[in-house]
Every structure is written in C-alpha cells, then in structure tokens.
Amino acid sequence: MDSKRQQKFSRLIQKDLGEIFQQNANKLFGGAFITVTDVTVSPDLGLAKVYLSFLMSKDKEASLEMVKEHGKQIRNLLAQRIRHQARIIPELNFYIDDTEEKAARIDKIFEDLDIPEDKKDEEE
C-alpha cells in the first residue's frame, strides 16, 4: 500500500515521462509510440518502476532496450521538469507492461470454455 506521498510522486513522474516520450519519440525511439501505463515509487522515493506500453513497434523487447540505453538522458529530462517539485530524482527502471496481452489470453480462455446448460432452466 503506497502512501499518499508516493502516489502523488508517481502521478507526477508518469505525467512528465509521458510528455517526454511523446516529444522525443521520433529522435530517440525510432517513431515508436510509447505510453507510460504505471509508475510505482519506493518509500524513500529513490527508485521508480516505470511500466511502458509500445505501439507501432514490431519488437517490444528491442524498443525496451532502446529506452534503457537512453535511461540517463530520460532521467536528465525528467530532472529538468520536476526539479522544483522534488528533492530526489529517482533512478528509473523500465519494464514492459504486458497487461493487454494477459487480458487477451484470459479472454481467449473464456471463449474456449464449454459451459453446459443448467438443467433446472430446461425443466421450468
């Protein structure tokens, strides 16, 4: 359970990182559309886990590696944006958000289920 302070800081980072990815998509990430889906921050605010979703990218793993390679530059751009609102600029760890793929797999499982009709409904 995150504290209010962690939640507020996470939202700030998510908003600013989203803008950074939007503004720098062409020159840094080969035109891939990157969405920041979630950010979780450690209690000391020194580490942020950033979950990313990639659109218009053929290889998500390669895109993630490209983001990680530019990690210091991204952190620097974030620092320029939040320097007046935060004392600590957190270290950024990037992860692929695979929620959409998990949801699609679960939907597929539900579609493949063969649920027999309830016999009570037939009798009435």
N, C-alpha and C. Protein backbone atom coordinates (compact mmCIF):
# COMPACT_ATOMS: atom_id res chain seq x y z
N MET A 1 0.85 -1.18 0.00
CA MET A 1 0.00 0.00 0.00
C MET A 1 0.89 1.24 0.00
N ASP A 2 0.79 1.99 -1.05
CA ASP A 2 1.59 3.20 -1.17
C ASP A 2 0.99 4.33 -0.36
N SER A 3 1.86 5.17 0.16
CA SER A 3 1.40 6.35 0.88
C SER A 3 0.90 7.40 -0.10
N LYS A 4 0.20 8.39 0.41
CA LYS A 4 -0.29 9.49 -0.44
C LYS A 4 0.89 10.18 -1.14
N ARG A 5 1.97 10.33 -0.41
CA ARG A 5 3.17 10.99 -0.97
C ARG A 5 3.71 10.19 -2.15
N GLN A 6 3.79 8.87 -2.01
CA GLN A 6 4.27 8.02 -3.09
C GLN A 6 3.32 8.09 -4.29
N GLN A 7 2.03 8.06 -4.03
CA GLN A 7 1.05 8.11 -5.12
C GLN A 7 1.14 9.43 -5.88
N LYS A 8 1.25 10.52 -5.14
CA LYS A 8 1.35 11.84 -5.77
C LYS A 8 2.62 11.94 -6.62
N PHE A 9 3.73 11.46 -6.08
CA PHE A 9 5.00 11.49 -6.79
C PHE A 9 4.96 10.59 -8.03
N SER A 10 4.31 9.43 -7.90
CA SER A 10 4.16 8.52 -9.04
C SER A 10 3.38 9.17 -10.17
N ARG A 11 2.29 9.84 -9.83
CA ARG A 11 1.48 10.52 -10.85
C ARG A 11 2.27 11.62 -11.54
N LEU A 12 3.06 12.36 -10.76
CA LEU A 12 3.89 13.43 -11.33
C LEU A 12 4.90 12.85 -12.32
N ILE A 13 5.57 11.78 -11.93
CA ILE A 13 6.55 11.15 -12.81
C ILE A 13 5.88 10.58 -14.05
N GLN A 14 4.73 9.94 -13.88
CA GLN A 14 4.02 9.35 -15.01
C GLN A 14 3.63 10.41 -16.02
N LYS A 15 3.11 11.52 -15.55
CA LYS A 15 2.69 12.61 -16.45
C LYS A 15 3.88 13.18 -17.21
N ASP A 16 4.95 13.48 -16.49
CA ASP A 16 6.11 14.09 -17.13
C ASP A 16 6.85 13.12 -18.06
N LEU A 17 6.97 11.86 -17.66
CA LEU A 17 7.61 10.88 -18.55
C LEU A 17 6.78 10.67 -19.81
N GLY A 18 5.46 10.67 -19.67
CA GLY A 18 4.60 10.55 -20.84
C GLY A 18 4.85 11.67 -21.84
N GLU A 19 5.00 12.88 -21.34
CA GLU A 19 5.28 14.02 -22.21
C GLU A 19 6.67 13.91 -22.83
N ILE A 20 7.64 13.43 -22.05
CA ILE A 20 9.00 13.26 -22.57
C ILE A 20 9.00 12.23 -23.71
N PHE A 21 8.32 11.10 -23.52
CA PHE A 21 8.27 10.08 -24.57
C PHE A 21 7.52 10.59 -25.79
N GLN A 22 6.49 11.38 -25.59
CA GLN A 22 5.73 11.92 -26.71
C GLN A 22 6.57 12.90 -27.53
N GLN A 23 7.30 13.75 -26.85
CA GLN A 23 8.08 14.77 -27.54
C GLN A 23 9.33 14.22 -28.21
N ASN A 24 9.89 13.14 -27.69
CA ASN A 24 11.16 12.62 -28.19
C ASN A 24 11.05 11.28 -28.90
N ALA A 25 9.84 10.87 -29.25
CA ALA A 25 9.64 9.54 -29.85
C ALA A 25 10.40 9.39 -31.17
N ASN A 26 10.35 10.40 -32.02
CA ASN A 26 10.99 10.26 -33.34
C ASN A 26 12.50 10.22 -33.25
N LYS A 27 13.09 11.11 -32.48
CA LYS A 27 14.55 11.19 -32.49
C LYS A 27 15.23 10.16 -31.60
N LEU A 28 14.57 9.70 -30.54
CA LEU A 28 15.22 8.75 -29.64
C LEU A 28 14.78 7.30 -29.83
N PHE A 29 13.52 7.09 -30.21
CA PHE A 29 12.97 5.73 -30.16
C PHE A 29 12.44 5.24 -31.51
N GLY A 30 12.91 5.81 -32.59
CA GLY A 30 12.56 5.34 -33.91
C GLY A 30 11.08 5.45 -34.26
N GLY A 31 10.39 6.41 -33.69
CA GLY A 31 8.99 6.63 -34.02
C GLY A 31 8.01 5.74 -33.28
N ALA A 32 8.48 4.90 -32.39
CA ALA A 32 7.57 4.05 -31.62
C ALA A 32 6.73 4.93 -30.70
N PHE A 33 5.47 4.59 -30.57
CA PHE A 33 4.58 5.33 -29.67
C PHE A 33 4.65 4.65 -28.31
N ILE A 34 5.18 5.34 -27.33
CA ILE A 34 5.40 4.77 -26.01
C ILE A 34 4.46 5.43 -25.01
N THR A 35 3.73 4.60 -24.29
CA THR A 35 2.81 5.08 -23.27
C THR A 35 3.29 4.63 -21.90
N VAL A 36 3.29 5.52 -20.94
CA VAL A 36 3.64 5.18 -19.57
C VAL A 36 2.34 4.75 -18.89
N THR A 37 2.20 3.44 -18.66
CA THR A 37 0.94 2.93 -18.12
C THR A 37 0.88 2.98 -16.60
N ASP A 38 2.03 2.86 -15.94
CA ASP A 38 2.03 2.88 -14.48
C ASP A 38 3.43 3.21 -13.97
N VAL A 39 3.48 3.86 -12.83
CA VAL A 39 4.75 4.14 -12.15
C VAL A 39 4.55 3.82 -10.68
N THR A 40 5.46 3.02 -10.12
CA THR A 40 5.46 2.78 -8.68
C THR A 40 6.78 3.28 -8.12
N VAL A 41 6.70 3.91 -6.97
CA VAL A 41 7.88 4.54 -6.37
C VAL A 41 8.16 3.88 -5.03
N SER A 42 9.44 3.69 -4.73
CA SER A 42 9.84 3.12 -3.45
C SER A 42 9.51 4.12 -2.32
N PRO A 43 9.41 3.64 -1.09
CA PRO A 43 9.06 4.54 0.02
C PRO A 43 10.03 5.71 0.21
N ASP A 44 11.31 5.53 -0.14
CA ASP A 44 12.26 6.64 0.00
C ASP A 44 12.30 7.54 -1.24
N LEU A 45 11.45 7.24 -2.23
CA LEU A 45 11.33 7.99 -3.49
C LEU A 45 12.60 7.96 -4.33
N GLY A 46 13.49 7.03 -4.05
CA GLY A 46 14.75 6.96 -4.77
C GLY A 46 14.74 6.04 -5.98
N LEU A 47 13.69 5.22 -6.11
CA LEU A 47 13.60 4.26 -7.20
C LEU A 47 12.18 4.27 -7.76
N ALA A 48 12.07 4.36 -9.07
CA ALA A 48 10.76 4.34 -9.72
C ALA A 48 10.74 3.20 -10.74
N LYS A 49 9.71 2.36 -10.64
CA LYS A 49 9.49 1.31 -11.64
C LYS A 49 8.49 1.88 -12.63
N VAL A 50 8.91 1.96 -13.87
CA VAL A 50 8.10 2.58 -14.93
C VAL A 50 7.66 1.48 -15.89
N TYR A 51 6.34 1.31 -16.03
CA TYR A 51 5.77 0.30 -16.92
C TYR A 51 5.35 0.98 -18.21
N LEU A 52 5.84 0.44 -19.34
CA LEU A 52 5.63 1.05 -20.64
C LEU A 52 4.84 0.13 -21.57
N SER A 53 4.03 0.76 -22.39
CA SER A 53 3.30 0.07 -23.44
C SER A 53 3.80 0.61 -24.78
N PHE A 54 4.08 -0.29 -25.72
CA PHE A 54 4.65 0.11 -27.01
C PHE A 54 3.64 -0.13 -28.12
N LEU A 55 3.34 0.91 -28.89
CA LEU A 55 2.51 0.79 -30.07
C LEU A 55 3.36 1.15 -31.28
N MET A 56 2.99 0.64 -32.43
CA MET A 56 3.74 0.86 -33.67
C MET A 56 5.20 0.44 -33.52
N SER A 57 5.40 -0.62 -32.77
CA SER A 57 6.73 -1.18 -32.58
C SER A 57 6.66 -2.68 -32.85
N LYS A 58 7.49 -3.15 -33.75
CA LYS A 58 7.45 -4.57 -34.11
C LYS A 58 8.05 -5.45 -33.02
N ASP A 59 9.10 -4.96 -32.41
CA ASP A 59 9.79 -5.73 -31.38
C ASP A 59 9.80 -4.94 -30.07
N LYS A 60 8.96 -5.34 -29.15
CA LYS A 60 8.84 -4.61 -27.88
C LYS A 60 10.11 -4.72 -27.04
N GLU A 61 10.74 -5.88 -27.07
CA GLU A 61 11.98 -6.07 -26.31
C GLU A 61 13.08 -5.13 -26.81
N ALA A 62 13.20 -5.01 -28.12
CA ALA A 62 14.22 -4.11 -28.68
C ALA A 62 13.90 -2.66 -28.34
N SER A 63 12.61 -2.32 -28.37
CA SER A 63 12.21 -0.95 -28.00
C SER A 63 12.52 -0.67 -26.54
N LEU A 64 12.28 -1.67 -25.68
CA LEU A 64 12.59 -1.50 -24.26
C LEU A 64 14.10 -1.31 -24.06
N GLU A 65 14.90 -2.07 -24.79
CA GLU A 65 16.35 -1.92 -24.69
C GLU A 65 16.79 -0.53 -25.15
N MET A 66 16.12 -0.01 -26.17
CA MET A 66 16.43 1.33 -26.66
C MET A 66 16.11 2.37 -25.58
N VAL A 67 15.00 2.18 -24.89
CA VAL A 67 14.62 3.09 -23.80
C VAL A 67 15.65 2.99 -22.68
N LYS A 68 16.06 1.77 -22.35
CA LYS A 68 17.05 1.59 -21.28
C LYS A 68 18.39 2.23 -21.65
N GLU A 69 18.77 2.16 -22.92
CA GLU A 69 20.01 2.78 -23.37
C GLU A 69 19.97 4.30 -23.19
N HIS A 70 18.81 4.88 -23.36
CA HIS A 70 18.64 6.33 -23.19
C HIS A 70 18.18 6.68 -21.78
N GLY A 71 18.31 5.75 -20.84
CA GLY A 71 17.82 5.94 -19.48
C GLY A 71 18.38 7.18 -18.79
N LYS A 72 19.68 7.41 -18.93
CA LYS A 72 20.29 8.59 -18.28
C LYS A 72 19.76 9.88 -18.89
N GLN A 73 19.59 9.88 -20.20
CA GLN A 73 19.07 11.07 -20.87
C GLN A 73 17.61 11.32 -20.47
N ILE A 74 16.83 10.26 -20.35
CA ILE A 74 15.43 10.38 -19.93
C ILE A 74 15.36 10.90 -18.50
N ARG A 75 16.22 10.37 -17.64
CA ARG A 75 16.25 10.82 -16.24
C ARG A 75 16.64 12.30 -16.16
N ASN A 76 17.58 12.72 -17.01
CA ASN A 76 18.00 14.11 -17.05
C ASN A 76 16.85 15.01 -17.49
N LEU A 77 16.12 14.59 -18.53
CA LEU A 77 14.96 15.36 -18.98
C LEU A 77 13.89 15.44 -17.90
N LEU A 78 13.70 14.32 -17.18
CA LEU A 78 12.74 14.32 -16.07
C LEU A 78 13.20 15.27 -14.97
N ALA A 79 14.49 15.26 -14.66
CA ALA A 79 15.03 16.14 -13.62
C ALA A 79 14.79 17.61 -13.96
N GLN A 80 14.95 17.96 -15.24
CA GLN A 80 14.70 19.35 -15.65
C GLN A 80 13.25 19.75 -15.43
N ARG A 81 12.34 18.78 -15.55
CA ARG A 81 10.92 19.09 -15.41
C ARG A 81 10.46 19.15 -13.96
N ILE A 82 10.99 18.27 -13.10
CA ILE A 82 10.47 18.17 -11.73
C ILE A 82 11.41 18.72 -10.67
N ARG A 83 12.47 19.41 -11.08
CA ARG A 83 13.48 19.85 -10.12
C ARG A 83 12.94 20.79 -9.05
N HIS A 84 11.88 21.53 -9.34
CA HIS A 84 11.32 22.44 -8.34
C HIS A 84 10.26 21.77 -7.47
N GLN A 85 9.87 20.56 -7.84
CA GLN A 85 8.82 19.85 -7.11
C GLN A 85 9.34 18.68 -6.30
N ALA A 86 10.58 18.27 -6.55
CA ALA A 86 11.12 17.10 -5.87
C ALA A 86 12.58 17.32 -5.51
N ARG A 87 12.93 16.84 -4.34
CA ARG A 87 14.34 16.91 -3.93
C ARG A 87 15.15 15.79 -4.55
N ILE A 88 14.50 14.66 -4.71
CA ILE A 88 15.19 13.47 -5.20
C ILE A 88 14.68 13.16 -6.61
N ILE A 89 15.59 12.96 -7.52
CA ILE A 89 15.22 12.49 -8.85
C ILE A 89 15.46 10.98 -8.83
N PRO A 90 14.39 10.19 -8.91
CA PRO A 90 14.55 8.75 -8.71
C PRO A 90 15.30 8.07 -9.86
N GLU A 91 15.93 6.96 -9.53
CA GLU A 91 16.51 6.09 -10.53
C GLU A 91 15.34 5.41 -11.24
N LEU A 92 15.41 5.32 -12.56
CA LEU A 92 14.29 4.79 -13.33
C LEU A 92 14.60 3.38 -13.82
N ASN A 93 13.72 2.45 -13.51
CA ASN A 93 13.80 1.09 -14.04
C ASN A 93 12.59 0.89 -14.94
N PHE A 94 12.84 0.48 -16.19
CA PHE A 94 11.78 0.36 -17.18
C PHE A 94 11.39 -1.09 -17.38
N TYR A 95 10.08 -1.32 -17.51
CA TYR A 95 9.54 -2.65 -17.72
C TYR A 95 8.44 -2.58 -18.79
N ILE A 96 8.23 -3.69 -19.49
CA ILE A 96 7.13 -3.77 -20.45
C ILE A 96 5.86 -4.08 -19.69
N ASP A 97 4.81 -3.32 -19.97
CA ASP A 97 3.51 -3.58 -19.36
C ASP A 97 2.78 -4.57 -20.26
N ASP A 98 2.63 -5.78 -19.77
CA ASP A 98 2.00 -6.83 -20.58
C ASP A 98 0.57 -7.10 -20.15
N THR A 99 -0.08 -6.14 -19.54
CA THR A 99 -1.45 -6.31 -19.07
C THR A 99 -2.39 -6.63 -20.22
N GLU A 100 -2.21 -5.96 -21.35
CA GLU A 100 -3.08 -6.17 -22.50
C GLU A 100 -2.97 -7.60 -23.03
N GLU A 101 -1.75 -8.13 -23.09
CA GLU A 101 -1.57 -9.50 -23.57
C GLU A 101 -2.17 -10.50 -22.58
N LYS A 102 -2.01 -10.25 -21.29
CA LYS A 102 -2.61 -11.14 -20.28
C LYS A 102 -4.13 -11.14 -20.39
N ALA A 103 -4.71 -9.96 -20.58
CA ALA A 103 -6.17 -9.86 -20.72
C ALA A 103 -6.65 -10.60 -21.96
N ALA A 104 -5.91 -10.49 -23.05
CA ALA A 104 -6.27 -11.20 -24.28
C ALA A 104 -6.21 -12.71 -24.08
N ARG A 105 -5.20 -13.19 -23.36
CA ARG A 105 -5.10 -14.63 -23.08
C ARG A 105 -6.26 -15.11 -22.22
N ILE A 106 -6.64 -14.32 -21.22
CA ILE A 106 -7.77 -14.70 -20.36
C ILE A 106 -9.06 -14.71 -21.16
N ASP A 107 -9.27 -13.70 -22.02
CA ASP A 107 -10.45 -13.67 -22.88
C ASP A 107 -10.51 -14.90 -23.78
N LYS A 108 -9.36 -15.30 -24.32
CA LYS A 108 -9.29 -16.49 -25.18
C LYS A 108 -9.67 -17.74 -24.39
N ILE A 109 -9.21 -17.84 -23.17
CA ILE A 109 -9.55 -18.99 -22.32
C ILE A 109 -11.06 -19.03 -22.08
N PHE A 110 -11.66 -17.89 -21.79
CA PHE A 110 -13.10 -17.84 -21.56
C PHE A 110 -13.88 -18.19 -22.82
N GLU A 111 -13.40 -17.78 -23.97
CA GLU A 111 -14.07 -18.11 -25.23
C GLU A 111 -14.03 -19.60 -25.50
N ASP A 112 -12.95 -20.26 -25.12
CA ASP A 112 -12.79 -21.68 -25.39
C ASP A 112 -13.51 -22.58 -24.38
N LEU A 113 -14.02 -22.01 -23.31
CA LEU A 113 -14.72 -22.82 -22.30
C LEU A 113 -16.03 -23.34 -22.86
N ASP A 114 -16.32 -24.59 -22.57
CA ASP A 114 -17.59 -25.20 -22.96
C ASP A 114 -18.40 -25.38 -21.68
N ILE A 115 -19.34 -24.48 -21.47
CA ILE A 115 -20.15 -24.49 -20.24
C ILE A 115 -21.50 -25.12 -20.57
N PRO A 116 -21.82 -26.25 -19.94
CA PRO A 116 -23.10 -26.90 -20.22
C PRO A 116 -24.26 -26.08 -19.65
N GLU A 117 -25.41 -26.22 -20.28
CA GLU A 117 -26.62 -25.53 -19.83
C GLU A 117 -27.06 -26.09 -18.48
N ASP A 118 -27.68 -25.27 -17.68
CA ASP A 118 -28.19 -25.67 -16.38
C ASP A 118 -29.50 -26.43 -16.59
N LYS A 119 -29.60 -27.64 -16.04
CA LYS A 119 -30.78 -28.48 -16.25
C LYS A 119 -32.02 -27.90 -15.59
N LYS A 120 -31.87 -27.10 -14.54
CA LYS A 120 -33.02 -26.51 -13.87
C LYS A 120 -33.77 -25.55 -14.80
N ASP A 121 -33.04 -24.84 -15.64
CA ASP A 121 -33.66 -23.90 -16.57
C ASP A 121 -34.50 -24.63 -17.61
N GLU A 122 -34.08 -25.81 -18.02
CA GLU A 122 -34.81 -26.57 -19.02
C GLU A 122 -36.12 -27.12 -18.47
N GLU A 123 -36.14 -27.52 -17.19
CA GLU A 123 -37.32 -28.11 -16.59
C GLU A 123 -38.41 -27.09 -16.36
N GLU A 124 -38.09 -25.88 -16.13
CA GLU A 124 -39.09 -24.85 -15.81
C GLU A 124 -39.73 -24.31 -16.97
